């Protein structure tokens, strides 16, 4: 179970396949499990990373001022990619997760 401690919390993620990295980011209240079909397909040619963003799934709780939630979650994803030594990745999000790719 991949778990990384960053930015004052722990972030759960999956990391499958090889190749150029693609990061799938789930919607609000969901978890990375929603992307299991995509992981199965894309991991044949891509390195597929699916975090549970802070406050969701198996990652740490979401605490702090509400006005900074998205900024902290985006920082978490950036720090996760730094930890995995990934400089560039394709971001694919659904619903709330699409806000990460702006």
PDB file of N, CA and C in Angstrom:
ATOM      1  N   UNK A   1       0.847  -1.177   0.000  1.00  0.00           N
ATOM      2  CA  UNK A   1       0.000   0.000   0.000  1.00  0.00           C
ATOM      3  C   UNK A   1       0.888   1.234   0.000  1.00  0.00           C
ATOM      4  N   UNK A   2       1.038   1.906  -1.147  1.00  0.00           N
ATOM      5  CA  UNK A   2       1.884   3.105  -1.212  1.00  0.00           C
ATOM      6  C   UNK A   2       1.274   4.257  -0.414  1.00  0.00           C
ATOM      7  N   UNK A   3       2.066   4.774   0.487  1.00  0.00           N
ATOM      8  CA  UNK A   3       1.659   5.879   1.343  1.00  0.00           C
ATOM      9  C   UNK A   3       2.867   6.777   1.505  1.00  0.00           C
ATOM     10  N   UNK A   4       2.684   8.078   1.305  1.00  0.00           N
ATOM     11  CA  UNK A   4       3.789   9.007   1.453  1.00  0.00           C
ATOM     12  C   UNK A   4       3.362  10.081   2.451  1.00  0.00           C
ATOM     13  N   UNK A   5       4.292  10.474   3.317  1.00  0.00           N
ATOM     14  CA  UNK A   5       4.030  11.531   4.294  1.00  0.00           C
ATOM     15  C   UNK A   5       4.599  12.830   3.744  1.00  0.00           C
ATOM     16  N   UNK A   6       3.705  13.752   3.403  1.00  0.00           N
ATOM     17  CA  UNK A   6       4.103  15.043   2.838  1.00  0.00           C
ATOM     18  C   UNK A   6       3.163  16.129   3.334  1.00  0.00           C
ATOM     19  N   UNK A   7       3.661  17.319   3.386  1.00  0.00           N
ATOM     20  CA  UNK A   7       2.823  18.495   3.621  1.00  0.00           C
ATOM     21  C   UNK A   7       1.955  18.356   4.872  1.00  0.00           C
ATOM     22  N   UNK A   8       2.489  17.689   5.889  1.00  0.00           N
ATOM     23  CA  UNK A   8       1.791  17.548   7.163  1.00  0.00           C
ATOM     24  C   UNK A   8       0.695  16.500   7.206  1.00  0.00           C
ATOM     25  N   UNK A   9       0.652  15.621   6.234  1.00  0.00           N
ATOM     26  CA  UNK A   9      -0.360  14.565   6.217  1.00  0.00           C
ATOM     27  C   UNK A   9       0.186  13.351   5.470  1.00  0.00           C
ATOM     28  N   UNK A  10      -0.623  12.322   5.353  1.00  0.00           N
ATOM     29  CA  UNK A  10      -0.222  11.175   4.527  1.00  0.00           C
ATOM     30  C   UNK A  10      -1.153  11.097   3.326  1.00  0.00           C
ATOM     31  N   UNK A  11      -0.563  10.752   2.203  1.00  0.00           N
ATOM     32  CA  UNK A  11      -1.294  10.630   0.950  1.00  0.00           C
ATOM     33  C   UNK A  11      -1.155   9.192   0.455  1.00  0.00           C
ATOM     34  N   UNK A  12      -2.283   8.554   0.244  1.00  0.00           N
ATOM     35  CA  UNK A  12      -2.324   7.210  -0.329  1.00  0.00           C
ATOM     36  C   UNK A  12      -2.379   7.349  -1.848  1.00  0.00           C
ATOM     37  N   UNK A  13      -1.708   6.458  -2.546  1.00  0.00           N
ATOM     38  CA  UNK A  13      -1.739   6.490  -4.006  1.00  0.00           C
ATOM     39  C   UNK A  13      -1.443   5.111  -4.555  1.00  0.00           C
ATOM     40  N   UNK A  14      -1.804   4.915  -5.826  1.00  0.00           N
ATOM     41  CA  UNK A  14      -1.389   3.721  -6.546  1.00  0.00           C
ATOM     42  C   UNK A  14      -0.474   4.159  -7.676  1.00  0.00           C
ATOM     43  N   UNK A  15       0.412   3.268  -8.076  1.00  0.00           N
ATOM     44  CA  UNK A  15       1.409   3.570  -9.109  1.00  0.00           C
ATOM     45  C   UNK A  15       1.568   2.300  -9.939  1.00  0.00           C
ATOM     46  N   UNK A  16       1.055   2.327 -11.165  1.00  0.00           N
ATOM     47  CA  UNK A  16       1.038   1.136 -12.015  1.00  0.00           C
ATOM     48  C   UNK A  16       1.582   1.447 -13.398  1.00  0.00           C
ATOM     49  N   UNK A  17       2.199   0.455 -14.007  1.00  0.00           N
ATOM     50  CA  UNK A  17       2.651   0.575 -15.385  1.00  0.00           C
ATOM     51  C   UNK A  17       3.974   1.306 -15.529  1.00  0.00           C
ATOM     52  N   UNK A  18       4.366   1.482 -16.778  1.00  0.00           N
ATOM     53  CA  UNK A  18       5.619   2.158 -17.121  1.00  0.00           C
ATOM     54  C   UNK A  18       5.365   3.056 -18.310  1.00  0.00           C
ATOM     55  N   UNK A  19       6.217   4.041 -18.457  1.00  0.00           N
ATOM     56  CA  UNK A  19       6.092   4.972 -19.571  1.00  0.00           C
ATOM     57  C   UNK A  19       5.861   6.375 -19.069  1.00  0.00           C
ATOM     58  N   UNK A  20       5.325   7.225 -19.950  1.00  0.00           N
ATOM     59  CA  UNK A  20       5.033   8.593 -19.553  1.00  0.00           C
ATOM     60  C   UNK A  20       3.964   8.591 -18.463  1.00  0.00           C
ATOM     61  N   UNK A  21       4.123   9.444 -17.452  1.00  0.00           N
ATOM     62  CA  UNK A  21       3.169   9.429 -16.343  1.00  0.00           C
ATOM     63  C   UNK A  21       1.868  10.165 -16.658  1.00  0.00           C
ATOM     64  N   UNK A  22       0.782   9.563 -16.218  1.00  0.00           N
ATOM     65  CA  UNK A  22      -0.537  10.196 -16.241  1.00  0.00           C
ATOM     66  C   UNK A  22      -1.096  10.074 -14.827  1.00  0.00           C
ATOM     67  N   UNK A  23      -1.652  11.165 -14.332  1.00  0.00           N
ATOM     68  CA  UNK A  23      -2.179  11.223 -12.963  1.00  0.00           C
ATOM     69  C   UNK A  23      -3.691  11.412 -13.050  1.00  0.00           C
ATOM     70  N   UNK A  24      -4.432  10.468 -12.509  1.00  0.00           N
ATOM     71  CA  UNK A  24      -5.887  10.568 -12.453  1.00  0.00           C
ATOM     72  C   UNK A  24      -6.291  11.091 -11.081  1.00  0.00           C
ATOM     73  N   UNK A  25      -7.105  12.152 -11.080  1.00  0.00           N
ATOM     74  CA  UNK A  25      -7.530  12.771  -9.822  1.00  0.00           C
ATOM     75  C   UNK A  25      -9.050  12.701  -9.737  1.00  0.00           C
ATOM     76  N   UNK A  26      -9.521  12.089  -8.688  1.00  0.00           N
ATOM     77  CA  UNK A  26     -10.948  11.800  -8.502  1.00  0.00           C
ATOM     78  C   UNK A  26     -11.750  13.043  -8.094  1.00  0.00           C
ATOM     79  N   UNK A  27     -13.053  12.855  -8.132  1.00  0.00           N
ATOM     80  CA  UNK A  27     -13.974  13.900  -7.718  1.00  0.00           C
ATOM     81  C   UNK A  27     -14.121  13.968  -6.204  1.00  0.00           C
ATOM     82  N   UNK A  28     -14.771  15.013  -5.735  1.00  0.00           N
ATOM     83  CA  UNK A  28     -14.990  15.268  -4.322  1.00  0.00           C
ATOM     84  C   UNK A  28     -15.763  14.116  -3.675  1.00  0.00           C
ATOM     85  N   UNK A  29     -15.250  13.637  -2.566  1.00  0.00           N
ATOM     86  CA  UNK A  29     -15.899  12.562  -1.832  1.00  0.00           C
ATOM     87  C   UNK A  29     -15.642  11.176  -2.393  1.00  0.00           C
ATOM     88  N   UNK A  30     -14.881  11.079  -3.459  1.00  0.00           N
ATOM     89  CA  UNK A  30     -14.581   9.782  -4.071  1.00  0.00           C
ATOM     90  C   UNK A  30     -13.180   9.331  -3.650  1.00  0.00           C
ATOM     91  N   UNK A  31     -12.643   8.368  -4.327  1.00  0.00           N
ATOM     92  CA  UNK A  31     -11.273   7.914  -4.078  1.00  0.00           C
ATOM     93  C   UNK A  31     -10.679   7.443  -5.401  1.00  0.00           C
ATOM     94  N   UNK A  32      -9.421   7.072  -5.344  1.00  0.00           N
ATOM     95  CA  UNK A  32      -8.753   6.619  -6.566  1.00  0.00           C
ATOM     96  C   UNK A  32      -9.361   5.339  -7.131  1.00  0.00           C
ATOM     97  N   UNK A  33     -10.148   4.644  -6.352  1.00  0.00           N
ATOM     98  CA  UNK A  33     -10.757   3.401  -6.820  1.00  0.00           C
ATOM     99  C   UNK A  33     -11.690   3.626  -7.999  1.00  0.00           C
ATOM    100  N   UNK A  34     -12.187   4.867  -8.149  1.00  0.00           N
ATOM    101  CA  UNK A  34     -13.098   5.131  -9.267  1.00  0.00           C
ATOM    102  C   UNK A  34     -12.407   4.973 -10.619  1.00  0.00           C
ATOM    103  N   UNK A  35     -11.055   4.965 -10.608  1.00  0.00           N
ATOM    104  CA  UNK A  35     -10.302   4.882 -11.855  1.00  0.00           C
ATOM    105  C   UNK A  35      -9.751   3.482 -12.141  1.00  0.00           C
ATOM    106  N   UNK A  36     -10.226   2.466 -11.443  1.00  0.00           N
ATOM    107  CA  UNK A  36      -9.705   1.113 -11.676  1.00  0.00           C
ATOM    108  C   UNK A  36      -9.791   0.684 -13.138  1.00  0.00           C
ATOM    109  N   UNK A  37     -10.901   0.944 -13.853  1.00  0.00           N
ATOM    110  CA  UNK A  37     -10.932   0.563 -15.279  1.00  0.00           C
ATOM    111  C   UNK A  37      -9.894   1.320 -16.116  1.00  0.00           C
ATOM    112  N   UNK A  38      -9.683   2.602 -15.809  1.00  0.00           N
ATOM    113  CA  UNK A  38      -8.697   3.384 -16.539  1.00  0.00           C
ATOM    114  C   UNK A  38      -7.284   2.904 -16.240  1.00  0.00           C
ATOM    115  N   UNK A  39      -7.029   2.548 -14.992  1.00  0.00           N
ATOM    116  CA  UNK A  39      -5.706   2.038 -14.622  1.00  0.00           C
ATOM    117  C   UNK A  39      -5.413   0.769 -15.406  1.00  0.00           C
ATOM    118  N   UNK A  40      -6.389  -0.120 -15.468  1.00  0.00           N
ATOM    119  CA  UNK A  40      -6.194  -1.377 -16.193  1.00  0.00           C
ATOM    120  C   UNK A  40      -5.841  -1.121 -17.659  1.00  0.00           C
ATOM    121  N   UNK A  41      -6.514  -0.175 -18.274  1.00  0.00           N
ATOM    122  CA  UNK A  41      -6.283   0.110 -19.703  1.00  0.00           C
ATOM    123  C   UNK A  41      -5.014   0.923 -19.929  1.00  0.00           C
ATOM    124  N   UNK A  42      -4.884   2.038 -19.227  1.00  0.00           N
ATOM    125  CA  UNK A  42      -3.779   2.958 -19.496  1.00  0.00           C
ATOM    126  C   UNK A  42      -2.421   2.425 -19.023  1.00  0.00           C
ATOM    127  N   UNK A  43      -2.407   1.579 -18.001  1.00  0.00           N
ATOM    128  CA  UNK A  43      -1.119   1.104 -17.483  1.00  0.00           C
ATOM    129  C   UNK A  43      -0.407   0.162 -18.448  1.00  0.00           C
ATOM    130  N   UNK A  44      -1.053  -0.202 -19.532  1.00  0.00           N
ATOM    131  CA  UNK A  44      -0.387  -1.012 -20.554  1.00  0.00           C
ATOM    132  C   UNK A  44       0.675  -0.198 -21.298  1.00  0.00           C
ATOM    133  N   UNK A  45       0.480   1.137 -21.343  1.00  0.00           N
ATOM    134  CA  UNK A  45       1.420   1.992 -22.079  1.00  0.00           C
ATOM    135  C   UNK A  45       1.891   3.208 -21.283  1.00  0.00           C
ATOM    136  N   UNK A  46       1.287   3.483 -20.147  1.00  0.00           N
ATOM    137  CA  UNK A  46       1.600   4.665 -19.351  1.00  0.00           C
ATOM    138  C   UNK A  46       1.962   4.248 -17.925  1.00  0.00           C
ATOM    139  N   UNK A  47       2.625   5.138 -17.225  1.00  0.00           N
ATOM    140  CA  UNK A  47       2.775   5.008 -15.777  1.00  0.00           C
ATOM    141  C   UNK A  47       1.578   5.747 -15.186  1.00  0.00           C
ATOM    142  N   UNK A  48       0.702   5.042 -14.517  1.00  0.00           N
ATOM    143  CA  UNK A  48      -0.561   5.597 -14.035  1.00  0.00           C
ATOM    144  C   UNK A  48      -0.502   5.779 -12.522  1.00  0.00           C
ATOM    145  N   UNK A  49      -0.651   7.026 -12.090  1.00  0.00           N
ATOM    146  CA  UNK A  49      -0.613   7.371 -10.671  1.00  0.00           C
ATOM    147  C   UNK A  49      -1.984   7.897 -10.281  1.00  0.00           C
ATOM    148  N   UNK A  50      -2.539   7.341  -9.222  1.00  0.00           N
ATOM    149  CA  UNK A  50      -3.872   7.738  -8.760  1.00  0.00           C
ATOM    150  C   UNK A  50      -3.831   8.006  -7.256  1.00  0.00           C
ATOM    151  N   UNK A  51      -3.718   9.265  -6.868  1.00  0.00           N
ATOM    152  CA  UNK A  51      -3.740   9.570  -5.434  1.00  0.00           C
ATOM    153  C   UNK A  51      -5.169   9.674  -4.906  1.00  0.00           C
ATOM    154  N   UNK A  52      -5.316   9.418  -3.619  1.00  0.00           N
ATOM    155  CA  UNK A  52      -6.507   9.841  -2.891  1.00  0.00           C
ATOM    156  C   UNK A  52      -6.156  11.223  -2.362  1.00  0.00           C
ATOM    157  N   UNK A  53      -6.842  12.268  -2.848  1.00  0.00           N
ATOM    158  CA  UNK A  53      -6.480  13.604  -2.381  1.00  0.00           C
ATOM    159  C   UNK A  53      -6.836  13.759  -0.914  1.00  0.00           C
ATOM    160  N   UNK A  54      -6.113  14.641  -0.260  1.00  0.00           N
ATOM    161  CA  UNK A  54      -6.289  14.905   1.170  1.00  0.00           C
ATOM    162  C   UNK A  54      -7.780  15.063   1.500  1.00  0.00           C
ATOM    163  N   UNK A  55      -8.205  14.364   2.556  1.00  0.00           N
ATOM    164  CA  UNK A  55      -9.602  14.430   2.973  1.00  0.00           C
ATOM    165  C   UNK A  55     -10.490  13.404   2.306  1.00  0.00           C
ATOM    166  N   UNK A  56      -9.922  12.534   1.491  1.00  0.00           N
ATOM    167  CA  UNK A  56     -10.698  11.533   0.753  1.00  0.00           C
ATOM    168  C   UNK A  56      -9.989  10.186   0.803  1.00  0.00           C
ATOM    169  N   UNK A  57     -10.792   9.129   0.629  1.00  0.00           N
ATOM    170  CA  UNK A  57     -10.216   7.785   0.542  1.00  0.00           C
ATOM    171  C   UNK A  57      -9.345   7.440   1.723  1.00  0.00           C
ATOM    172  N   UNK A  58      -8.152   6.922   1.435  1.00  0.00           N
ATOM    173  CA  UNK A  58      -7.244   6.460   2.481  1.00  0.00           C
ATOM    174  C   UNK A  58      -6.155   7.485   2.820  1.00  0.00           C
ATOM    175  N   UNK A  59      -6.316   8.713   2.338  1.00  0.00           N
ATOM    176  CA  UNK A  59      -5.362   9.772   2.686  1.00  0.00           C
ATOM    177  C   UNK A  59      -5.790  10.451   3.980  1.00  0.00           C
ATOM    178  N   UNK A  60      -4.920  11.333   4.471  1.00  0.00           N
ATOM    179  CA  UNK A  60      -5.156  12.015   5.733  1.00  0.00           C
ATOM    180  C   UNK A  60      -6.345  12.955   5.687  1.00  0.00           C
ATOM    181  N   UNK A  61      -6.751  13.364   6.870  1.00  0.00           N
ATOM    182  CA  UNK A  61      -7.903  14.251   7.017  1.00  0.00           C
ATOM    183  C   UNK A  61      -7.629  15.633   6.447  1.00  0.00           C
ATOM    184  N   UNK A  62      -8.692  16.283   6.067  1.00  0.00           N
ATOM    185  CA  UNK A  62      -8.630  17.644   5.560  1.00  0.00           C
ATOM    186  C   UNK A  62      -8.919  18.589   6.718  1.00  0.00           C
ATOM    187  N   UNK A  63      -7.924  19.362   7.095  1.00  0.00           N
ATOM    188  CA  UNK A  63      -8.070  20.321   8.186  1.00  0.00           C
ATOM    189  C   UNK A  63      -7.576  21.676   7.710  1.00  0.00           C
ATOM    190  N   UNK A  64      -7.894  22.702   8.449  1.00  0.00           N
ATOM    191  CA  UNK A  64      -7.414  24.035   8.122  1.00  0.00           C
ATOM    192  C   UNK A  64      -8.484  24.891   7.484  1.00  0.00           C
ATOM    193  N   UNK A  65      -8.111  26.111   7.120  1.00  0.00           N
ATOM    194  CA  UNK A  65      -9.079  27.057   6.562  1.00  0.00           C
ATOM    195  C   UNK A  65      -9.685  26.572   5.242  1.00  0.00           C
ATOM    196  N   UNK A  66     -10.981  26.709   5.115  1.00  0.00           N
ATOM    197  CA  UNK A  66     -11.677  26.234   3.922  1.00  0.00           C
ATOM    198  C   UNK A  66     -11.216  26.947   2.661  1.00  0.00           C
ATOM    199  N   UNK A  67     -10.794  28.191   2.783  1.00  0.00           N
ATOM    200  CA  UNK A  67     -10.371  28.950   1.615  1.00  0.00           C
ATOM    201  C   UNK A  67      -9.085  28.462   0.977  1.00  0.00           C
ATOM    202  N   UNK A  68      -8.365  27.585   1.670  1.00  0.00           N
ATOM    203  CA  UNK A  68      -7.090  27.097   1.135  1.00  0.00           C
ATOM    204  C   UNK A  68      -7.104  25.603   0.811  1.00  0.00           C
ATOM    205  N   UNK A  69      -8.271  24.997   0.818  1.00  0.00           N
ATOM    206  CA  UNK A  69      -8.380  23.551   0.595  1.00  0.00           C
ATOM    207  C   UNK A  69      -7.781  23.142  -0.741  1.00  0.00           C
ATOM    208  N   UNK A  70      -8.226  23.731  -1.822  1.00  0.00           N
ATOM    209  CA  UNK A  70      -7.754  23.337  -3.150  1.00  0.00           C
ATOM    210  C   UNK A  70      -6.257  23.585  -3.292  1.00  0.00           C
ATOM    211  N   UNK A  71      -5.772  24.703  -2.763  1.00  0.00           N
ATOM    212  CA  UNK A  71      -4.328  24.989  -2.824  1.00  0.00           C
ATOM    213  C   UNK A  71      -3.526  23.909  -2.102  1.00  0.00           C
ATOM    214  N   UNK A  72      -3.971  23.499  -0.922  1.00  0.00           N
ATOM    215  CA  UNK A  72      -3.250  22.457  -0.181  1.00  0.00           C
ATOM    216  C   UNK A  72      -3.301  21.126  -0.907  1.00  0.00           C
ATOM    217  N   UNK A  73      -4.446  20.786  -1.469  1.00  0.00           N
ATOM    218  CA  UNK A  73      -4.556  19.527  -2.198  1.00  0.00           C
ATOM    219  C   UNK A  73      -3.684  19.540  -3.451  1.00  0.00           C
ATOM    220  N   UNK A  74      -3.638  20.666  -4.149  1.00  0.00           N
ATOM    221  CA  UNK A  74      -2.756  20.772  -5.327  1.00  0.00           C
ATOM    222  C   UNK A  74      -1.297  20.651  -4.918  1.00  0.00           C
ATOM    223  N   UNK A  75      -0.937  21.307  -3.800  1.00  0.00           N
ATOM    224  CA  UNK A  75       0.428  21.178  -3.289  1.00  0.00           C
ATOM    225  C   UNK A  75       0.754  19.720  -2.974  1.00  0.00           C
ATOM    226  N   UNK A  76      -0.211  19.006  -2.398  1.00  0.00           N
ATOM    227  CA  UNK A  76       0.000  17.590  -2.078  1.00  0.00           C
ATOM    228  C   UNK A  76       0.331  16.788  -3.338  1.00  0.00           C
ATOM    229  N   UNK A  77      -0.418  17.014  -4.406  1.00  0.00           N
ATOM    230  CA  UNK A  77      -0.175  16.283  -5.653  1.00  0.00           C
ATOM    231  C   UNK A  77       1.200  16.631  -6.207  1.00  0.00           C
ATOM    232  N   UNK A  78       1.549  17.904  -6.186  1.00  0.00           N
ATOM    233  CA  UNK A  78       2.882  18.338  -6.660  1.00  0.00           C
ATOM    234  C   UNK A  78       3.982  17.680  -5.832  1.00  0.00           C
ATOM    235  N   UNK A  79       3.830  17.674  -4.509  1.00  0.00           N
ATOM    236  CA  UNK A  79       4.848  17.070  -3.647  1.00  0.00           C
ATOM    237  C   UNK A  79       4.917  15.555  -3.831  1.00  0.00           C
ATOM    238  N   UNK A  80       3.781  14.916  -4.105  1.00  0.00           N
ATOM    239  CA  UNK A  80       3.787  13.483  -4.409  1.00  0.00           C
ATOM    240  C   UNK A  80       4.596  13.230  -5.674  1.00  0.00           C
ATOM    241  N   UNK A  81       4.363  14.024  -6.709  1.00  0.00           N
ATOM    242  CA  UNK A  81       5.118  13.854  -7.947  1.00  0.00           C
ATOM    243  C   UNK A  81       6.604  14.116  -7.722  1.00  0.00           C
ATOM    244  N   UNK A  82       6.937  15.098  -6.895  1.00  0.00           N
ATOM    245  CA  UNK A  82       8.344  15.339  -6.542  1.00  0.00           C
ATOM    246  C   UNK A  82       8.938  14.105  -5.858  1.00  0.00           C
ATOM    247  N   UNK A  83       8.186  13.540  -4.935  1.00  0.00           N
ATOM    248  CA  UNK A  83       8.644  12.350  -4.203  1.00  0.00           C
ATOM    249  C   UNK A  83       8.892  11.177  -5.164  1.00  0.00           C
ATOM    250  N   UNK A  84       8.070  11.089  -6.192  1.00  0.00           N
ATOM    251  CA  UNK A  84       8.203  10.010  -7.182  1.00  0.00           C
ATOM    252  C   UNK A  84       9.175  10.366  -8.300  1.00  0.00           C
ATOM    253  N   UNK A  85       9.820  11.531  -8.167  1.00  0.00           N
ATOM    254  CA  UNK A  85      10.800  12.030  -9.141  1.00  0.00           C
ATOM    255  C   UNK A  85      10.192  12.168 -10.536  1.00  0.00           C
ATOM    256  N   UNK A  86       8.988  12.701 -10.579  1.00  0.00           N
ATOM    257  CA  UNK A  86       8.283  12.954 -11.834  1.00  0.00           C
ATOM    258  C   UNK A  86       8.255  14.456 -12.066  1.00  0.00           C
ATOM    259  N   UNK A  87       8.873  14.895 -13.153  1.00  0.00           N
ATOM    260  CA  UNK A  87       8.938  16.320 -13.462  1.00  0.00           C
ATOM    261  C   UNK A  87       7.750  16.787 -14.289  1.00  0.00           C
ATOM    262  N   UNK A  88       7.242  15.921 -15.164  1.00  0.00           N
ATOM    263  CA  UNK A  88       6.124  16.274 -16.041  1.00  0.00           C
ATOM    264  C   UNK A  88       5.146  15.108 -16.090  1.00  0.00           C
ATOM    265  N   UNK A  89       3.865  15.443 -16.108  1.00  0.00           N
ATOM    266  CA  UNK A  89       2.842  14.400 -16.175  1.00  0.00           C
ATOM    267  C   UNK A  89       1.592  14.971 -16.825  1.00  0.00           C
ATOM    268  N   UNK A  90       0.812  14.100 -17.388  1.00  0.00           N
ATOM    269  CA  UNK A  90      -0.515  14.455 -17.865  1.00  0.00           C
ATOM    270  C   UNK A  90      -1.454  14.333 -16.672  1.00  0.00           C
ATOM    271  N   UNK A  91      -2.279  15.360 -16.458  1.00  0.00           N
ATOM    272  CA  UNK A  91      -3.270  15.312 -15.385  1.00  0.00           C
ATOM    273  C   UNK A  91      -4.639  15.079 -15.984  1.00  0.00           C
ATOM    274  N   UNK A  92      -5.368  14.128 -15.437  1.00  0.00           N
ATOM    275  CA  UNK A  92      -6.723  13.833 -15.881  1.00  0.00           C
ATOM    276  C   UNK A  92      -7.614  13.783 -14.653  1.00  0.00           C
ATOM    277  N   UNK A  93      -8.540  14.712 -14.575  1.00  0.00           N
ATOM    278  CA  UNK A  93      -9.420  14.752 -13.420  1.00  0.00           C
ATOM    279  C   UNK A  93     -10.870  14.720 -13.839  1.00  0.00           C
ATOM    280  N   UNK A  94     -11.701  14.267 -12.926  1.00  0.00           N
ATOM    281  CA  UNK A  94     -13.133  14.264 -13.167  1.00  0.00           C
ATOM    282  C   UNK A  94     -13.806  15.104 -12.085  1.00  0.00           C
ATOM    283  N   UNK A  95     -14.796  15.877 -12.481  1.00  0.00           N
ATOM    284  CA  UNK A  95     -15.547  16.716 -11.560  1.00  0.00           C
ATOM    285  C   UNK A  95     -14.581  17.620 -10.785  1.00  0.00           C
ATOM    286  N   UNK A  96     -14.607  17.555  -9.471  1.00  0.00           N
ATOM    287  CA  UNK A  96     -13.705  18.373  -8.640  1.00  0.00           C
ATOM    288  C   UNK A  96     -12.241  18.144  -9.013  1.00  0.00           C
ATOM    289  N   UNK A  97     -11.891  16.944  -9.380  1.00  0.00           N
ATOM    290  CA  UNK A  97     -10.514  16.617  -9.749  1.00  0.00           C
ATOM    291  C   UNK A  97     -10.020  17.356 -10.974  1.00  0.00           C
ATOM    292  N   UNK A  98     -10.945  17.832 -11.813  1.00  0.00           N
ATOM    293  CA  UNK A  98     -10.538  18.579 -12.984  1.00  0.00           C
ATOM    294  C   UNK A  98      -9.958  19.937 -12.618  1.00  0.00           C
ATOM    295  N   UNK A  99     -10.270  20.441 -11.449  1.00  0.00           N
ATOM    296  CA  UNK A  99      -9.729  21.727 -10.995  1.00  0.00           C
ATOM    297  C   UNK A  99      -8.214  21.660 -10.818  1.00  0.00           C
ATOM    298  N   UNK A 100      -7.663  20.495 -10.615  1.00  0.00           N
ATOM    299  CA  UNK A 100      -6.224  20.344 -10.415  1.00  0.00           C
ATOM    300  C   UNK A 100      -5.424  20.586 -11.700  1.00  0.00           C
ATOM    301  N   UNK A 101      -6.084  20.447 -12.830  1.00  0.00           N
ATOM    302  CA  UNK A 101      -5.363  20.516 -14.095  1.00  0.00           C
ATOM    303  C   UNK A 101      -5.428  21.899 -14.746  1.00  0.00           C
ATOM    304  N   UNK A 102      -5.954  22.868 -14.089  1.00  0.00           N
ATOM    305  CA  UNK A 102      -6.023  24.224 -14.649  1.00  0.00           C
ATOM    306  C   UNK A 102      -4.689  24.856 -14.686  1.00  0.00           C
TER     307      UNK A 102
END
